[in-house]
Protein backbone atom coordinates (compact mmCIF):
# COMPACT_ATOMS: atom_id res chain seq x y z
CA MET A 1 -4.38 -20.30 3.31
CA ARG A 2 -6.24 -19.69 0.09
CA ALA A 3 -4.19 -19.40 -3.09
CA MET A 4 -4.88 -17.28 -6.16
CA SER A 5 -7.77 -18.64 -8.15
CA GLU A 6 -6.96 -20.51 -11.30
CA GLY A 7 -7.88 -18.92 -14.59
CA ASN A 8 -6.48 -15.50 -13.71
CA ASN A 9 -4.19 -15.00 -16.71
CA GLN A 10 -3.59 -11.28 -16.26
CA PRO A 11 0.08 -10.29 -16.40
CA PRO A 12 1.49 -9.60 -12.93
CA VAL A 13 1.70 -6.05 -11.71
CA LEU A 14 4.04 -7.36 -8.99
CA ALA A 15 6.50 -10.27 -9.19
CA LEU A 16 9.09 -11.22 -6.56
CA HIS A 17 11.87 -13.73 -7.17
CA ASP A 18 14.37 -14.91 -4.54
CA VAL A 19 14.06 -11.69 -2.53
CA ARG A 20 16.07 -11.51 0.70
CA LYS A 21 16.62 -8.83 3.29
CA SER A 22 18.67 -9.05 6.49
CA TYR A 23 19.67 -6.71 9.29
CA ARG A 24 22.43 -7.03 11.87
CA ASP A 25 21.75 -7.33 15.57
CA PRO A 26 23.81 -5.40 18.17
CA ASP A 27 26.46 -8.12 17.97
CA ALA A 28 26.71 -7.69 14.18
CA VAL A 29 25.07 -11.07 13.59
CA PRO A 30 22.92 -10.99 10.44
CA LEU A 31 19.22 -11.64 11.03
CA GLU A 32 17.17 -12.59 8.00
CA VAL A 33 13.91 -10.61 8.02
CA VAL A 34 12.52 -11.35 4.56
CA ARG A 35 12.99 -14.37 2.33
CA ILE A 36 10.55 -14.76 -0.57
CA LYS A 37 11.08 -17.45 -3.17
CA GLU A 38 8.26 -16.49 -5.54
CA PHE A 39 5.22 -14.24 -5.30
CA SER A 40 3.11 -12.45 -7.88
CA LEU A 41 0.01 -10.28 -7.95
CA ALA A 42 -2.04 -9.76 -11.08
CA ALA A 43 -3.37 -6.41 -12.26
CA GLY A 44 -6.52 -5.59 -10.30
CA GLU A 45 -6.05 -8.52 -7.89
CA GLN A 46 -6.44 -8.11 -4.13
CA ALA A 47 -4.47 -10.19 -1.64
CA ALA A 48 -3.89 -10.22 2.11
CA LEU A 49 -0.40 -11.14 3.26
CA VAL A 50 -0.47 -12.50 6.79
CA GLY A 51 2.03 -13.40 9.45
CA ARG A 52 2.76 -12.94 13.12
CA SER A 53 3.90 -9.59 14.44
CA GLY A 54 7.57 -9.01 13.62
CA SER A 55 7.63 -11.54 10.78
CA GLY A 56 8.80 -9.01 8.18
CA LYS A 57 5.47 -7.99 6.62
CA SER A 58 6.11 -4.25 6.83
CA THR A 59 9.70 -4.70 5.66
CA LEU A 60 8.41 -6.57 2.62
CA LEU A 61 6.01 -3.74 1.76
CA ASN A 62 8.85 -1.23 2.04
CA LEU A 63 10.92 -3.39 -0.33
CA VAL A 64 8.07 -3.49 -2.85
CA ALA A 65 7.68 0.27 -2.52
CA GLY A 66 11.38 0.84 -3.14
CA ILE A 67 11.84 2.50 0.24
CA LEU A 68 14.27 -0.29 1.10
CA THR A 69 16.45 -2.32 -1.25
CA PRO A 70 16.87 -6.10 -1.03
CA ASP A 71 20.16 -7.83 -0.32
CA ALA A 72 19.37 -10.17 -3.21
CA GLY A 73 16.64 -10.97 -5.68
CA ASP A 74 14.37 -9.16 -8.11
CA ILE A 75 11.31 -7.02 -7.41
CA MET A 76 9.35 -6.39 -10.58
CA VAL A 77 6.64 -3.71 -10.44
CA CYS A 78 4.76 -2.92 -13.64
CA GLY A 79 7.56 -4.63 -15.57
CA GLU A 80 10.34 -2.57 -13.95
CA ASN A 81 12.97 -4.19 -11.75
CA ILE A 82 12.92 -1.54 -9.04
CA SER A 83 15.68 -3.25 -7.07
CA LYS A 84 18.08 -2.14 -9.83
CA LEU A 85 17.05 1.52 -9.81
CA SER A 86 18.88 4.35 -8.05
CA GLU A 87 17.22 5.87 -4.99
CA ALA A 88 16.08 8.93 -6.94
CA LYS A 89 14.58 6.79 -9.69
CA ARG A 90 12.84 4.59 -7.13
CA ASP A 91 11.30 7.68 -5.55
CA ARG A 92 9.95 8.88 -8.91
CA PHE A 93 8.74 5.41 -9.83
CA ARG A 94 6.94 5.01 -6.51
CA ALA A 95 5.20 8.37 -6.87
CA ALA A 96 4.04 7.53 -10.38
CA HIS A 97 2.96 3.89 -9.98
CA LEU A 98 2.31 3.01 -6.32
CA GLY A 99 -0.03 4.07 -3.57
CA TYR A 100 0.78 3.41 0.08
CA VAL A 101 -1.66 3.43 3.01
CA PHE A 102 0.01 3.36 6.43
CA GLN A 103 -1.58 2.37 9.72
CA THR A 104 -0.39 5.67 11.21
CA PHE A 105 -2.00 7.71 8.37
CA ASN A 106 1.11 9.93 7.81
CA LEU A 107 -0.95 13.02 7.02
CA LEU A 108 0.81 16.39 7.25
CA GLN A 109 -0.75 18.15 10.23
CA GLY A 110 -0.37 21.68 8.87
CA PHE A 111 -2.39 20.96 5.72
CA THR A 112 -6.08 20.38 5.10
CA ALA A 113 -7.45 17.06 3.86
CA LEU A 114 -7.65 18.47 0.35
CA GLU A 115 -4.09 19.80 0.48
CA ASN A 116 -2.79 16.47 1.78
CA VAL A 117 -4.35 14.67 -1.17
CA LEU A 118 -3.07 17.29 -3.63
CA LEU A 119 0.47 16.82 -2.33
CA GLY A 120 0.45 13.31 -3.75
CA ARG A 121 0.24 14.77 -7.25
CA VAL A 122 2.84 17.44 -6.55
CA PHE A 123 5.41 14.85 -5.46
CA ALA A 124 4.77 12.79 -8.59
CA SER A 125 4.52 15.24 -11.44
CA GLY A 126 3.30 18.60 -10.24
CA ALA A 127 -0.32 19.61 -9.69
CA GLY A 128 -1.89 19.94 -13.11
CA GLY A 129 -5.13 21.67 -13.96
CA ASP A 130 -7.26 18.65 -13.11
CA ALA A 131 -5.56 17.93 -9.78
CA HIS A 132 -7.95 19.97 -7.62
CA GLU A 133 -10.98 18.38 -9.26
CA ARG A 134 -9.61 14.85 -8.88
CA ALA A 135 -8.58 15.39 -5.25
CA THR A 136 -12.01 16.77 -4.42
CA LYS A 137 -13.76 13.86 -6.14
CA LEU A 138 -11.61 11.31 -4.32
CA LEU A 139 -12.38 12.86 -0.95
CA GLN A 140 -16.07 12.87 -1.82
CA THR A 141 -15.79 9.20 -2.78
CA VAL A 142 -14.38 8.31 0.64
CA GLY A 143 -17.09 10.29 2.41
CA LEU A 144 -15.13 13.46 3.19
CA GLY A 145 -16.89 15.86 0.83
CA GLU A 146 -17.87 18.06 3.78
CA ARG A 147 -14.42 17.89 5.37
CA LEU A 148 -12.20 19.07 2.51
CA HIS A 149 -10.81 22.05 4.40
CA HIS A 150 -10.38 20.41 7.80
CA LYS A 151 -6.88 19.68 9.06
CA PRO A 152 -6.05 16.21 10.44
CA ARG A 153 -6.46 17.26 14.09
CA ALA A 154 -10.10 18.15 13.32
CA LEU A 155 -10.76 14.71 11.76
CA SER A 156 -11.53 11.47 13.56
CA MET A 157 -9.07 8.60 13.19
CA GLY A 158 -11.40 6.91 10.72
CA GLU A 159 -11.66 10.11 8.70
CA GLN A 160 -7.88 10.52 8.70
CA GLN A 161 -7.46 7.02 7.28
CA ARG A 162 -10.08 7.81 4.62
CA ALA A 163 -8.09 10.91 3.65
CA ALA A 164 -4.93 8.78 3.49
CA ILE A 165 -6.69 6.37 1.11
CA ALA A 166 -7.74 9.26 -1.12
CA ARG A 167 -4.16 10.56 -1.14
CA ALA A 168 -2.82 7.12 -2.08
CA LEU A 169 -5.23 6.98 -5.04
CA MET A 170 -4.42 10.49 -6.28
CA ASN A 171 -2.02 9.38 -9.03
CA ALA A 172 -4.16 6.43 -10.18
CA PRO A 173 -1.57 3.86 -9.02
CA HIS A 174 -1.26 0.42 -10.56
CA LEU A 175 -0.46 -1.11 -7.15
CA MET A 176 -1.74 -0.16 -3.72
CA LEU A 177 0.18 -1.23 -0.62
CA ALA A 178 -1.54 -1.15 2.77
CA ASP A 179 0.29 -1.76 6.04
CA GLU A 180 -2.29 -2.87 8.63
CA PRO A 181 -4.53 0.09 7.69
CA THR A 182 -7.21 -0.77 10.27
CA ALA A 183 -4.87 -1.44 13.21
CA ASN A 184 -5.45 1.96 14.86
CA LEU A 185 -9.21 2.02 14.27
CA ASP A 186 -12.08 0.66 16.32
CA GLU A 187 -14.02 -2.25 14.82
CA PRO A 188 -16.81 -0.27 13.06
CA ASN A 189 -14.33 2.17 11.54
CA GLY A 190 -11.97 -0.67 10.64
CA VAL A 191 -14.68 -2.55 8.76
CA ALA A 192 -15.78 0.61 6.96
CA VAL A 193 -12.25 1.65 5.97
CA LEU A 194 -11.32 -1.84 4.74
CA GLY A 195 -14.45 -2.03 2.60
CA LEU A 196 -13.80 1.44 1.27
CA LEU A 197 -10.18 0.62 0.39
CA GLN A 198 -11.13 -2.57 -1.44
CA LYS A 199 -13.97 -0.87 -3.31
CA ALA A 200 -11.79 2.10 -4.29
CA CYS A 201 -9.05 -0.19 -5.60
CA MET A 202 -11.57 -2.20 -7.59
CA GLU A 203 -13.12 0.89 -9.15
CA ASN A 204 -9.68 2.29 -10.00
CA LYS A 205 -8.45 -1.07 -11.40
CA CYS A 206 -5.64 -1.00 -8.86
CA ALA A 207 -4.05 -4.16 -7.43
CA LEU A 208 -4.04 -4.29 -3.63
CA LEU A 209 -1.49 -5.96 -1.36
CA LEU A 210 -2.46 -5.59 2.30
CA VAL A 211 -0.53 -6.97 5.25
CA THR A 212 -2.30 -7.95 8.44
CA HIS A 213 -2.37 -10.36 11.34
CA ASP A 214 -6.08 -9.71 12.03
CA PRO A 215 -8.35 -12.71 11.28
CA ASP A 216 -11.31 -10.38 10.72
CA VAL A 217 -9.41 -8.55 7.98
CA MET A 218 -8.32 -11.84 6.38
CA ARG A 219 -11.95 -12.91 6.00
CA GLY A 220 -12.50 -9.97 3.65
CA PHE A 221 -10.09 -11.39 1.03
CA SER A 222 -10.51 -14.28 -1.38
CA ARG A 223 -6.71 -14.62 -1.60
CA VAL A 224 -4.83 -14.94 1.67
CA VAL A 225 -1.12 -15.76 1.64
CA GLY A 226 0.95 -16.69 4.67
CA LEU A 227 4.40 -15.14 4.71
CA GLU A 228 5.92 -18.43 5.85
CA GLU A 229 4.50 -20.15 2.74
CA LEU A 230 6.65 -17.98 0.49
CA ARG A 231 10.00 -18.90 2.00
């Protein structure tokens, strides 16, 4: 695997130290899912985190997002140890500082593409006067300028993922998390969406941590980290 290039002295937007997470099987035996000794991601950096299916990649993203809490260790995001925050504070912090792109899109079916993107701002701080303009511009950036008022069922899978990327960027996050965002797309759409996600993060100065087990996706990153290397 390729490590972070030397000479990148930017302060980390994400730093993990001795992070562990376990679950219990039906016989109440603890099963360790995540064990990370050290990992960091600099502001604006893009990295692919790889591992076999079921190796804990998605669990790790949910820990970084504050959706789950670790059994031990520290998760520093933008200088805040989110593992020490209450659930309500983690929710507010996530809305204000992180974007999350899921492989299943997670768009609300009863709302248009524009409304789905606007909801990202509402959950964070309320839709201010510039929210409509920003949401429209983001959808135009991802190629959905003519599809603003279409609901998810009227969009292709590739278009739905593009709308999900726009929604994740709505609050200008410092860190973007992506959980196998091309897994449900055919190859042409997957290539297009991955390029779009990387370009959008670069233009918005947003760090990107993407998990995958797809070799084609890995080739699009200069930094590729194997989950097993971090144990």
